[in-house]
């Protein structure tokens, strides 16, 4: 799953999903879909953070 969404938008979408869950705004069908979406977003954020961390380490090693 390679999605063209930046980290900040992914986090904002995750926060929106969490808010809806906390406020019981999702029916059971929507809840399942939103949980799957949250899982995708978490994976995307984790991948972006890992890649950024690796790039920073490479930059620091060059100095």
C-alpha atoms as a PDB file:
ATOM      1  CA  UNK A   1       0.000   0.000   0.000  1.00  0.00           C
ATOM      2  CA  UNK A   2       1.824   3.055  -1.224  1.00  0.00           C
ATOM      3  CA  UNK A   3      -0.394   6.040  -0.727  1.00  0.00           C
ATOM      4  CA  UNK A   4       0.364   9.621  -1.629  1.00  0.00           C
ATOM      5  CA  UNK A   5      -0.518  11.240   1.703  1.00  0.00           C
ATOM      6  CA  UNK A   6       1.841  13.177   3.912  1.00  0.00           C
ATOM      7  CA  UNK A   7       2.511  12.347   7.541  1.00  0.00           C
ATOM      8  CA  UNK A   8       0.559  15.292   8.943  1.00  0.00           C
ATOM      9  CA  UNK A   9      -2.574  14.424   6.946  1.00  0.00           C
ATOM     10  CA  UNK A  10      -2.331  10.790   8.003  1.00  0.00           C
ATOM     11  CA  UNK A  11      -2.068  11.777  11.676  1.00  0.00           C
ATOM     12  CA  UNK A  12      -4.995  14.188  11.313  1.00  0.00           C
ATOM     13  CA  UNK A  13      -7.112  11.442   9.774  1.00  0.00           C
ATOM     14  CA  UNK A  14      -6.140   9.066  12.582  1.00  0.00           C
ATOM     15  CA  UNK A  15      -7.133  11.695  15.143  1.00  0.00           C
ATOM     16  CA  UNK A  16     -10.508  12.126  13.409  1.00  0.00           C
ATOM     17  CA  UNK A  17     -11.128   8.374  13.456  1.00  0.00           C
ATOM     18  CA  UNK A  18     -10.223   8.250  17.156  1.00  0.00           C
ATOM     19  CA  UNK A  19     -12.537  11.178  17.919  1.00  0.00           C
ATOM     20  CA  UNK A  20     -15.447   9.485  16.156  1.00  0.00           C
ATOM     21  CA  UNK A  21     -14.793   6.260  18.048  1.00  0.00           C
ATOM     22  CA  UNK A  22     -14.612   8.062  21.390  1.00  0.00           C
ATOM     23  CA  UNK A  23     -17.899   9.849  20.689  1.00  0.00           C
ATOM     24  CA  UNK A  24     -19.675   6.660  19.525  1.00  0.00           C
ATOM     25  CA  UNK A  25     -20.293   8.197  16.104  1.00  0.00           C
ATOM     26  CA  UNK A  26     -19.613   5.003  14.149  1.00  0.00           C
ATOM     27  CA  UNK A  27     -22.005   2.141  13.578  1.00  0.00           C
ATOM     28  CA  UNK A  28     -20.599  -1.375  13.515  1.00  0.00           C
ATOM     29  CA  UNK A  29     -20.049  -1.405   9.736  1.00  0.00           C
ATOM     30  CA  UNK A  30     -18.342   1.975   9.750  1.00  0.00           C
ATOM     31  CA  UNK A  31     -16.289   0.975  12.762  1.00  0.00           C
ATOM     32  CA  UNK A  32     -14.822  -2.002  10.910  1.00  0.00           C
ATOM     33  CA  UNK A  33     -13.945   0.125   7.889  1.00  0.00           C
ATOM     34  CA  UNK A  34     -12.460   2.895  10.018  1.00  0.00           C
ATOM     35  CA  UNK A  35     -10.350   0.434  12.010  1.00  0.00           C
ATOM     36  CA  UNK A  36      -8.957  -0.983   8.767  1.00  0.00           C
ATOM     37  CA  UNK A  37      -8.229   2.547   7.558  1.00  0.00           C
ATOM     38  CA  UNK A  38      -6.542   3.385  10.866  1.00  0.00           C
ATOM     39  CA  UNK A  39      -4.357   0.302  10.512  1.00  0.00           C
ATOM     40  CA  UNK A  40      -3.269   1.456   7.032  1.00  0.00           C
ATOM     41  CA  UNK A  41      -2.544   4.969   8.299  1.00  0.00           C
ATOM     42  CA  UNK A  42      -0.530   3.694  11.259  1.00  0.00           C
ATOM     43  CA  UNK A  43       1.567   1.531   8.923  1.00  0.00           C
ATOM     44  CA  UNK A  44       2.083   4.491   6.590  1.00  0.00           C
ATOM     45  CA  UNK A  45       3.169   6.768   9.461  1.00  0.00           C
ATOM     46  CA  UNK A  46       5.501   4.136  10.867  1.00  0.00           C
ATOM     47  CA  UNK A  47       7.102   3.634   7.447  1.00  0.00           C
ATOM     48  CA  UNK A  48       7.567   7.379   6.973  1.00  0.00           C
ATOM     49  CA  UNK A  49       9.140   7.736  10.423  1.00  0.00           C
ATOM     50  CA  UNK A  50      11.469   4.797   9.818  1.00  0.00           C
ATOM     51  CA  UNK A  51      12.557   6.189   6.442  1.00  0.00           C
ATOM     52  CA  UNK A  52      13.145   9.655   7.911  1.00  0.00           C
ATOM     53  CA  UNK A  53      15.155   8.174  10.780  1.00  0.00           C
ATOM     54  CA  UNK A  54      17.344   6.250   8.328  1.00  0.00           C
ATOM     55  CA  UNK A  55      17.924   9.365   6.217  1.00  0.00           C
ATOM     56  CA  UNK A  56      18.889  11.416   9.285  1.00  0.00           C
ATOM     57  CA  UNK A  57      21.348   8.718  10.404  1.00  0.00           C
ATOM     58  CA  UNK A  58      22.971   8.696   6.933  1.00  0.00           C
ATOM     59  CA  UNK A  59      23.315  12.476   6.976  1.00  0.00           C
ATOM     60  CA  UNK A  60      24.868  12.455  10.445  1.00  0.00           C
ATOM     61  CA  UNK A  61      27.291   9.684   9.483  1.00  0.00           C
ATOM     62  CA  UNK A  62      28.596  11.794   6.586  1.00  0.00           C
ATOM     63  CA  UNK A  63      29.742  14.584   8.875  1.00  0.00           C
END
